[in-house]
Amino acid sequence: MKSITLAIICILMLNSCKNKSQDAVVNPVKVEKIEYASFGKEIIADDAVSASSMAAHYKIMKAGDSINSKIIAEVHEVCQAKGCWMRLNLDDENEVMVKFKDYGFFVPKDITGKKVIINGQAFVEEVSIDEQRHYAEDAGKSAEEIASITVPKRTYSFEADGVLVVK
């Protein structure tokens, strides 16, 4: 029995060593090097999930649930006071509120519309009326817009320990 197993392994090894360059057509792909500005903990761009994929994860999460994640998304809004939070577009209907771990770093205030990669903890929470109004003030909303906030809101949130901004 051992000799049969050994023979099969040898045949498979010899077969894997044959020159396969004639079997496959190679099409060279031009890879662009993307440069990032880094904020917070140093992270790498690999393995980030798309915003739409993360939106699907958020939809099945309940308030209080959390997962470690790395997301690539477009910045929708940034705190204009000092860059202490940002909102990212997830899909046509949803966005995620991003705060920075231990208030330890900030992002530039002029990155609206840029792609970012964030690493950290994704979670769902319910935001109070007062906190929503505070964020609206930071974002420079009008008094009418701030006053129109009258109910708590279920939000998709993220605590980032590192951020990469496409230069």
C-alpha atoms as a PDB file:
ATOM      1  CA  MET A   1       0.000   0.000   0.000  1.00  0.00           C
ATOM      2  CA  LYS A   2       2.884   2.352   0.820  1.00  0.00           C
ATOM      3  CA  SER A   3       4.441   1.767  -2.592  1.00  0.00           C
ATOM      4  CA  ILE A   4       1.184   2.670  -4.403  1.00  0.00           C
ATOM      5  CA  THR A   5       0.873   5.903  -2.414  1.00  0.00           C
ATOM      6  CA  LEU A   6       4.534   6.731  -3.091  1.00  0.00           C
ATOM      7  CA  ALA A   7       4.051   6.057  -6.821  1.00  0.00           C
ATOM      8  CA  ILE A   8       1.007   8.371  -6.976  1.00  0.00           C
ATOM      9  CA  ILE A   9       2.896  11.147  -5.166  1.00  0.00           C
ATOM     10  CA  CYS A  10       5.859  10.789  -7.563  1.00  0.00           C
ATOM     11  CA  ILE A  11       3.585  10.954 -10.628  1.00  0.00           C
ATOM     12  CA  LEU A  12       1.856  14.059  -9.293  1.00  0.00           C
ATOM     13  CA  MET A  13       5.185  15.746  -8.534  1.00  0.00           C
ATOM     14  CA  LEU A  14       6.588  14.975 -11.996  1.00  0.00           C
ATOM     15  CA  ASN A  15       3.395  16.223 -13.636  1.00  0.00           C
ATOM     16  CA  SER A  16       3.556  19.502 -11.702  1.00  0.00           C
ATOM     17  CA  CYS A  17       7.128  20.095 -12.907  1.00  0.00           C
ATOM     18  CA  LYS A  18       6.392  19.996 -16.639  1.00  0.00           C
ATOM     19  CA  ASN A  19       6.772  23.211 -18.595  1.00  0.00           C
ATOM     20  CA  LYS A  20       3.352  24.806 -18.857  1.00  0.00           C
ATOM     21  CA  SER A  21       4.377  27.987 -20.672  1.00  0.00           C
ATOM     22  CA  GLN A  22       2.815  26.657 -23.859  1.00  0.00           C
ATOM     23  CA  ASP A  23      -0.530  26.067 -22.131  1.00  0.00           C
ATOM     24  CA  ALA A  24      -1.082  29.588 -20.770  1.00  0.00           C
ATOM     25  CA  VAL A  25      -1.128  32.894 -22.590  1.00  0.00           C
ATOM     26  CA  VAL A  26       0.377  35.635 -20.490  1.00  0.00           C
ATOM     27  CA  ASN A  27      -1.101  39.113 -20.781  1.00  0.00           C
ATOM     28  CA  PRO A  28       1.025  41.680 -18.975  1.00  0.00           C
ATOM     29  CA  VAL A  29      -0.956  43.945 -16.656  1.00  0.00           C
ATOM     30  CA  LYS A  30       0.208  47.462 -15.918  1.00  0.00           C
ATOM     31  CA  VAL A  31       0.047  48.018 -12.155  1.00  0.00           C
ATOM     32  CA  GLU A  32      -0.116  51.581 -10.917  1.00  0.00           C
ATOM     33  CA  LYS A  33       1.671  52.453  -7.699  1.00  0.00           C
ATOM     34  CA  ILE A  34      -0.750  54.372  -5.487  1.00  0.00           C
ATOM     35  CA  GLU A  35       0.759  56.755  -2.944  1.00  0.00           C
ATOM     36  CA  TYR A  36      -0.895  57.319   0.422  1.00  0.00           C
ATOM     37  CA  ALA A  37      -0.549  59.780   3.269  1.00  0.00           C
ATOM     38  CA  SER A  38      -0.659  57.854   6.560  1.00  0.00           C
ATOM     39  CA  PHE A  39      -2.338  58.965   9.794  1.00  0.00           C
ATOM     40  CA  GLY A  40      -2.433  57.147  13.133  1.00  0.00           C
ATOM     41  CA  LYS A  41      -1.110  53.601  13.341  1.00  0.00           C
ATOM     42  CA  GLU A  42       0.880  52.531  10.283  1.00  0.00           C
ATOM     43  CA  ILE A  43      -1.269  50.231   8.129  1.00  0.00           C
ATOM     44  CA  ILE A  44      -0.943  48.670   4.680  1.00  0.00           C
ATOM     45  CA  ALA A  45      -3.428  48.983   1.834  1.00  0.00           C
ATOM     46  CA  ASP A  46      -3.804  45.222   1.252  1.00  0.00           C
ATOM     47  CA  ASP A  47      -6.973  43.297   2.108  1.00  0.00           C
ATOM     48  CA  ALA A  48      -9.336  46.269   2.423  1.00  0.00           C
ATOM     49  CA  VAL A  49     -12.979  45.427   1.689  1.00  0.00           C
ATOM     50  CA  SER A  50     -15.043  47.617  -0.590  1.00  0.00           C
ATOM     51  CA  ALA A  51     -17.527  50.087   0.846  1.00  0.00           C
ATOM     52  CA  SER A  52     -20.485  48.262  -0.708  1.00  0.00           C
ATOM     53  CA  SER A  53     -19.348  44.950   0.802  1.00  0.00           C
ATOM     54  CA  MET A  54     -19.042  46.595   4.214  1.00  0.00           C
ATOM     55  CA  ALA A  55     -22.542  48.088   3.818  1.00  0.00           C
ATOM     56  CA  ALA A  56     -23.891  44.540   3.493  1.00  0.00           C
ATOM     57  CA  HIS A  57     -22.095  43.576   6.746  1.00  0.00           C
ATOM     58  CA  TYR A  58     -23.500  46.595   8.581  1.00  0.00           C
ATOM     59  CA  LYS A  59     -27.060  45.780   7.498  1.00  0.00           C
ATOM     60  CA  ILE A  60     -26.996  42.436   9.333  1.00  0.00           C
ATOM     61  CA  MET A  61     -25.332  43.833  12.474  1.00  0.00           C
ATOM     62  CA  LYS A  62     -27.348  44.835  15.545  1.00  0.00           C
ATOM     63  CA  ALA A  63     -26.700  47.780  17.887  1.00  0.00           C
ATOM     64  CA  GLY A  64     -23.735  46.785  20.048  1.00  0.00           C
ATOM     65  CA  ASP A  65     -22.233  44.338  17.493  1.00  0.00           C
ATOM     66  CA  SER A  66     -18.665  44.988  16.298  1.00  0.00           C
ATOM     67  CA  ILE A  67     -16.070  43.472  13.960  1.00  0.00           C
ATOM     68  CA  ASN A  68     -12.454  44.224  13.088  1.00  0.00           C
ATOM     69  CA  SER A  69     -12.242  45.486   9.539  1.00  0.00           C
ATOM     70  CA  LYS A  70     -10.337  47.431   6.909  1.00  0.00           C
ATOM     71  CA  ILE A  71     -12.451  49.443   4.457  1.00  0.00           C
ATOM     72  CA  ILE A  72     -11.727  51.409   1.306  1.00  0.00           C
ATOM     73  CA  ALA A  73     -14.257  54.175   0.661  1.00  0.00           C
ATOM     74  CA  GLU A  74     -14.738  57.756  -0.487  1.00  0.00           C
ATOM     75  CA  VAL A  75     -14.843  60.598   2.041  1.00  0.00           C
ATOM     76  CA  HIS A  76     -18.226  62.339   2.117  1.00  0.00           C
ATOM     77  CA  GLU A  77     -17.598  64.844   4.919  1.00  0.00           C
ATOM     78  CA  VAL A  78     -14.831  65.845   7.373  1.00  0.00           C
ATOM     79  CA  CYS A  79     -14.955  67.743  10.672  1.00  0.00           C
ATOM     80  CA  GLN A  80     -14.097  71.313   9.719  1.00  0.00           C
ATOM     81  CA  ALA A  81     -13.094  72.241  13.278  1.00  0.00           C
ATOM     82  CA  LYS A  82      -9.930  70.080  13.322  1.00  0.00           C
ATOM     83  CA  GLY A  83     -10.373  66.880  11.278  1.00  0.00           C
ATOM     84  CA  CYS A  84     -11.414  64.833  14.311  1.00  0.00           C
ATOM     85  CA  TRP A  85     -14.051  62.729  12.468  1.00  0.00           C
ATOM     86  CA  MET A  86     -15.195  61.932   8.947  1.00  0.00           C
ATOM     87  CA  ARG A  87     -18.115  60.309   7.166  1.00  0.00           C
ATOM     88  CA  LEU A  88     -17.512  57.807   4.362  1.00  0.00           C
ATOM     89  CA  ASN A  89     -19.906  56.757   1.607  1.00  0.00           C
ATOM     90  CA  LEU A  90     -20.800  53.050   1.848  1.00  0.00           C
ATOM     91  CA  ASP A  91     -23.417  52.863  -0.898  1.00  0.00           C
ATOM     92  CA  ASP A  92     -26.184  55.045  -2.348  1.00  0.00           C
ATOM     93  CA  GLU A  93     -28.181  54.969   0.902  1.00  0.00           C
ATOM     94  CA  ASN A  94     -25.667  54.637   3.733  1.00  0.00           C
ATOM     95  CA  GLU A  95     -22.564  56.196   5.178  1.00  0.00           C
ATOM     96  CA  VAL A  96     -20.280  55.347   8.097  1.00  0.00           C
ATOM     97  CA  MET A  97     -19.226  57.748  10.862  1.00  0.00           C
ATOM     98  CA  VAL A  98     -15.496  57.405  11.557  1.00  0.00           C
ATOM     99  CA  LYS A  99     -13.849  58.572  14.772  1.00  0.00           C
ATOM    100  CA  PHE A 100     -10.195  58.080  15.642  1.00  0.00           C
ATOM    101  CA  LYS A 101      -8.996  55.786  18.420  1.00  0.00           C
ATOM    102  CA  ASP A 102      -8.318  57.581  21.697  1.00  0.00           C
ATOM    103  CA  TYR A 103      -8.684  60.916  19.837  1.00  0.00           C
ATOM    104  CA  GLY A 104      -5.033  60.190  19.007  1.00  0.00           C
ATOM    105  CA  PHE A 105      -4.809  61.685  15.518  1.00  0.00           C
ATOM    106  CA  PHE A 106      -6.690  63.792  13.011  1.00  0.00           C
ATOM    107  CA  VAL A 107      -7.044  63.834   9.222  1.00  0.00           C
ATOM    108  CA  PRO A 108      -6.759  66.849   6.907  1.00  0.00           C
ATOM    109  CA  LYS A 109      -9.948  68.908   6.587  1.00  0.00           C
ATOM    110  CA  ASP A 110      -9.711  69.048   2.765  1.00  0.00           C
ATOM    111  CA  ILE A 111     -10.034  65.355   1.849  1.00  0.00           C
ATOM    112  CA  THR A 112     -13.721  65.319   0.899  1.00  0.00           C
ATOM    113  CA  GLY A 113     -14.118  63.253  -2.290  1.00  0.00           C
ATOM    114  CA  LYS A 114     -10.820  61.374  -1.836  1.00  0.00           C
ATOM    115  CA  LYS A 115     -10.446  57.619  -1.360  1.00  0.00           C
ATOM    116  CA  VAL A 116      -9.266  56.436   2.040  1.00  0.00           C
ATOM    117  CA  ILE A 117      -8.461  53.112   3.651  1.00  0.00           C
ATOM    118  CA  ILE A 118      -9.371  52.833   7.312  1.00  0.00           C
ATOM    119  CA  ASN A 119      -8.419  50.074   9.733  1.00  0.00           C
ATOM    120  CA  GLY A 120     -10.075  49.360  13.060  1.00  0.00           C
ATOM    121  CA  GLN A 121     -13.377  48.408  14.664  1.00  0.00           C
ATOM    122  CA  ALA A 122     -16.721  48.590  12.808  1.00  0.00           C
ATOM    123  CA  PHE A 123     -19.849  48.732  14.959  1.00  0.00           C
ATOM    124  CA  VAL A 124     -23.490  49.796  15.011  1.00  0.00           C
ATOM    125  CA  GLU A 125     -24.744  52.309  17.561  1.00  0.00           C
ATOM    126  CA  GLU A 126     -27.649  54.570  18.300  1.00  0.00           C
ATOM    127  CA  VAL A 127     -26.662  58.268  18.290  1.00  0.00           C
ATOM    128  CA  SER A 128     -28.461  60.678  20.625  1.00  0.00           C
ATOM    129  CA  ILE A 129     -30.098  63.903  19.436  1.00  0.00           C
ATOM    130  CA  ASP A 130     -27.474  66.039  21.251  1.00  0.00           C
ATOM    131  CA  GLU A 131     -24.568  64.178  19.656  1.00  0.00           C
ATOM    132  CA  GLN A 132     -26.148  64.471  16.186  1.00  0.00           C
ATOM    133  CA  ARG A 133     -26.556  68.211  16.719  1.00  0.00           C
ATOM    134  CA  HIS A 134     -22.917  68.515  17.844  1.00  0.00           C
ATOM    135  CA  TYR A 135     -21.712  66.819  14.646  1.00  0.00           C
ATOM    136  CA  ALA A 136     -23.983  69.063  12.578  1.00  0.00           C
ATOM    137  CA  GLU A 137     -22.425  72.137  14.229  1.00  0.00           C
ATOM    138  CA  ASP A 138     -18.902  70.800  13.554  1.00  0.00           C
ATOM    139  CA  ALA A 139     -19.868  70.261   9.924  1.00  0.00           C
ATOM    140  CA  GLY A 140     -21.023  73.885   9.638  1.00  0.00           C
ATOM    141  CA  LYS A 141     -24.738  73.124   9.168  1.00  0.00           C
ATOM    142  CA  SER A 142     -27.304  75.930   9.439  1.00  0.00           C
ATOM    143  CA  ALA A 143     -29.355  76.564  12.594  1.00  0.00           C
ATOM    144  CA  GLU A 144     -32.471  75.266  10.794  1.00  0.00           C
ATOM    145  CA  GLU A 145     -30.745  72.004   9.849  1.00  0.00           C
ATOM    146  CA  ILE A 146     -29.510  71.542  13.421  1.00  0.00           C
ATOM    147  CA  ALA A 147     -32.959  72.251  14.875  1.00  0.00           C
ATOM    148  CA  SER A 148     -34.543  69.687  12.537  1.00  0.00           C
ATOM    149  CA  ILE A 149     -32.690  66.870  14.336  1.00  0.00           C
ATOM    150  CA  THR A 150     -35.354  65.491  16.683  1.00  0.00           C
ATOM    151  CA  VAL A 151     -34.953  61.690  16.922  1.00  0.00           C
ATOM    152  CA  PRO A 152     -32.114  59.302  17.836  1.00  0.00           C
ATOM    153  CA  LYS A 153     -30.533  57.648  14.803  1.00  0.00           C
ATOM    154  CA  ARG A 154     -29.170  54.125  14.212  1.00  0.00           C
ATOM    155  CA  THR A 155     -25.768  54.674  12.660  1.00  0.00           C
ATOM    156  CA  TYR A 156     -22.933  52.702  11.223  1.00  0.00           C
ATOM    157  CA  SER A 157     -19.779  53.670  13.102  1.00  0.00           C
ATOM    158  CA  PHE A 158     -16.088  52.931  12.913  1.00  0.00           C
ATOM    159  CA  GLU A 159     -13.225  53.541  15.347  1.00  0.00           C
ATOM    160  CA  ALA A 160     -10.107  53.820  13.198  1.00  0.00           C
ATOM    161  CA  ASP A 161      -6.622  53.223  14.547  1.00  0.00           C
ATOM    162  CA  GLY A 162      -5.002  53.976  11.170  1.00  0.00           C
ATOM    163  CA  VAL A 163      -5.966  55.829   7.987  1.00  0.00           C
ATOM    164  CA  LEU A 164      -4.424  55.971   4.522  1.00  0.00           C
ATOM    165  CA  VAL A 165      -5.461  58.863   2.258  1.00  0.00           C
ATOM    166  CA  VAL A 166      -4.812  58.618  -1.475  1.00  0.00           C
ATOM    167  CA  LYS A 167      -2.484  61.485  -2.436  1.00  0.00           C
END
